[in-house]
Amino acid sequence: MVGREGRVTGTVGPGLVGEVMVSVRGGAEAFLAHPVSPEETIEVGTVIVVVEYQPPRTVYVARALGS
């Protein structure tokens, strides 16, 4: 999971549990998402990279380079 790219489908930000879609096992799956930087807000549609994975469905994300 760590290092995979995805796209924000529900705003990720301080005090929010956002949602991202990440490509896994030949498809795309939804994960609950938190920002790696606690003060950062990542808007819907932004390409992200998974920095930390906490099973079963929680990830910590950052904006992908160039996003």
C-alpha atoms as a PDB file:
ATOM      1  CA  MET A   1       0.000   0.000   0.000  1.00  0.00           C
ATOM      2  CA  VAL A   2       2.706   2.509   0.944  1.00  0.00           C
ATOM      3  CA  GLY A   3       3.828   4.397  -2.145  1.00  0.00           C
ATOM      4  CA  ARG A   4       0.672   3.715  -4.171  1.00  0.00           C
ATOM      5  CA  GLU A   5      -1.088   6.658  -5.761  1.00  0.00           C
ATOM      6  CA  GLY A   6      -4.797   7.366  -5.607  1.00  0.00           C
ATOM      7  CA  ARG A   7      -7.343  10.152  -5.861  1.00  0.00           C
ATOM      8  CA  VAL A   8      -9.272  12.003  -3.142  1.00  0.00           C
ATOM      9  CA  THR A   9     -13.025  11.323  -3.265  1.00  0.00           C
ATOM     10  CA  GLY A  10     -13.906  12.972   0.078  1.00  0.00           C
ATOM     11  CA  THR A  11     -11.967  15.983   1.391  1.00  0.00           C
ATOM     12  CA  VAL A  12      -9.011  15.048   3.604  1.00  0.00           C
ATOM     13  CA  GLY A  13      -8.142  17.591   6.282  1.00  0.00           C
ATOM     14  CA  PRO A  14      -7.815  18.591   9.929  1.00  0.00           C
ATOM     15  CA  GLY A  15     -10.590  17.075  12.014  1.00  0.00           C
ATOM     16  CA  LEU A  16     -11.985  15.227   8.990  1.00  0.00           C
ATOM     17  CA  VAL A  17     -11.923  11.597   8.014  1.00  0.00           C
ATOM     18  CA  GLY A  18     -11.621  11.815   4.238  1.00  0.00           C
ATOM     19  CA  GLU A  19     -11.847   9.159   1.582  1.00  0.00           C
ATOM     20  CA  VAL A  20      -9.476   8.147  -1.202  1.00  0.00           C
ATOM     21  CA  MET A  21      -9.639   5.594  -3.991  1.00  0.00           C
ATOM     22  CA  VAL A  22      -6.442   3.589  -4.451  1.00  0.00           C
ATOM     23  CA  SER A  23      -5.677   1.049  -7.185  1.00  0.00           C
ATOM     24  CA  VAL A  24      -5.176  -2.399  -5.643  1.00  0.00           C
ATOM     25  CA  ARG A  25      -5.540  -5.963  -6.895  1.00  0.00           C
ATOM     26  CA  GLY A  26      -6.513  -4.891 -10.414  1.00  0.00           C
ATOM     27  CA  GLY A  27      -9.277  -2.534  -9.277  1.00  0.00           C
ATOM     28  CA  ALA A  28      -9.854   0.552  -7.138  1.00  0.00           C
ATOM     29  CA  GLU A  29     -10.818   0.444  -3.466  1.00  0.00           C
ATOM     30  CA  ALA A  30     -11.940   3.125  -1.016  1.00  0.00           C
ATOM     31  CA  PHE A  31      -9.933   3.859   2.134  1.00  0.00           C
ATOM     32  CA  LEU A  32     -10.496   6.220   5.050  1.00  0.00           C
ATOM     33  CA  ALA A  33      -7.829   8.905   4.829  1.00  0.00           C
ATOM     34  CA  HIS A  34      -6.023  11.381   7.071  1.00  0.00           C
ATOM     35  CA  PRO A  35      -3.401  13.926   5.994  1.00  0.00           C
ATOM     36  CA  VAL A  36       0.215  13.205   6.970  1.00  0.00           C
ATOM     37  CA  SER A  37       0.583  16.912   7.842  1.00  0.00           C
ATOM     38  CA  PRO A  38      -2.192  17.533  10.408  1.00  0.00           C
ATOM     39  CA  GLU A  39      -2.837  21.106   9.211  1.00  0.00           C
ATOM     40  CA  GLU A  40      -3.111  20.251   5.489  1.00  0.00           C
ATOM     41  CA  THR A  41      -6.381  20.072   3.566  1.00  0.00           C
ATOM     42  CA  ILE A  42      -6.452  17.996   0.374  1.00  0.00           C
ATOM     43  CA  GLU A  43      -9.411  18.655  -1.923  1.00  0.00           C
ATOM     44  CA  VAL A  44     -11.528  16.208  -3.910  1.00  0.00           C
ATOM     45  CA  GLY A  45      -9.871  15.189  -7.174  1.00  0.00           C
ATOM     46  CA  THR A  46      -6.288  15.661  -5.944  1.00  0.00           C
ATOM     47  CA  VAL A  47      -3.817  12.878  -6.711  1.00  0.00           C
ATOM     48  CA  ILE A  48      -2.271  11.540  -3.491  1.00  0.00           C
ATOM     49  CA  VAL A  49       0.374   9.060  -2.431  1.00  0.00           C
ATOM     50  CA  VAL A  50      -0.081   6.680   0.512  1.00  0.00           C
ATOM     51  CA  VAL A  51       2.563   7.371   3.178  1.00  0.00           C
ATOM     52  CA  GLU A  52       1.285   5.072   5.929  1.00  0.00           C
ATOM     53  CA  TYR A  53      -1.206   2.192   5.966  1.00  0.00           C
ATOM     54  CA  GLN A  54      -3.132   1.009   9.027  1.00  0.00           C
ATOM     55  CA  PRO A  55      -5.136  -2.135   8.312  1.00  0.00           C
ATOM     56  CA  PRO A  56      -7.783  -2.766   7.468  1.00  0.00           C
ATOM     57  CA  ARG A  57      -8.861   0.440   5.630  1.00  0.00           C
ATOM     58  CA  THR A  58      -7.073   3.539   6.957  1.00  0.00           C
ATOM     59  CA  VAL A  59      -4.299   5.441   5.194  1.00  0.00           C
ATOM     60  CA  TYR A  60      -2.277   8.587   5.805  1.00  0.00           C
ATOM     61  CA  VAL A  61      -1.707  10.502   2.595  1.00  0.00           C
ATOM     62  CA  ALA A  62       0.195  13.406   1.052  1.00  0.00           C
ATOM     63  CA  ARG A  63      -0.209  15.219  -2.242  1.00  0.00           C
ATOM     64  CA  ALA A  64       1.622  13.450  -5.058  1.00  0.00           C
ATOM     65  CA  LEU A  65       4.458  15.401  -6.624  1.00  0.00           C
ATOM     66  CA  GLY A  66       3.072  17.678  -9.305  1.00  0.00           C
ATOM     67  CA  SER A  67      -0.412  17.844  -7.740  1.00  0.00           C
END
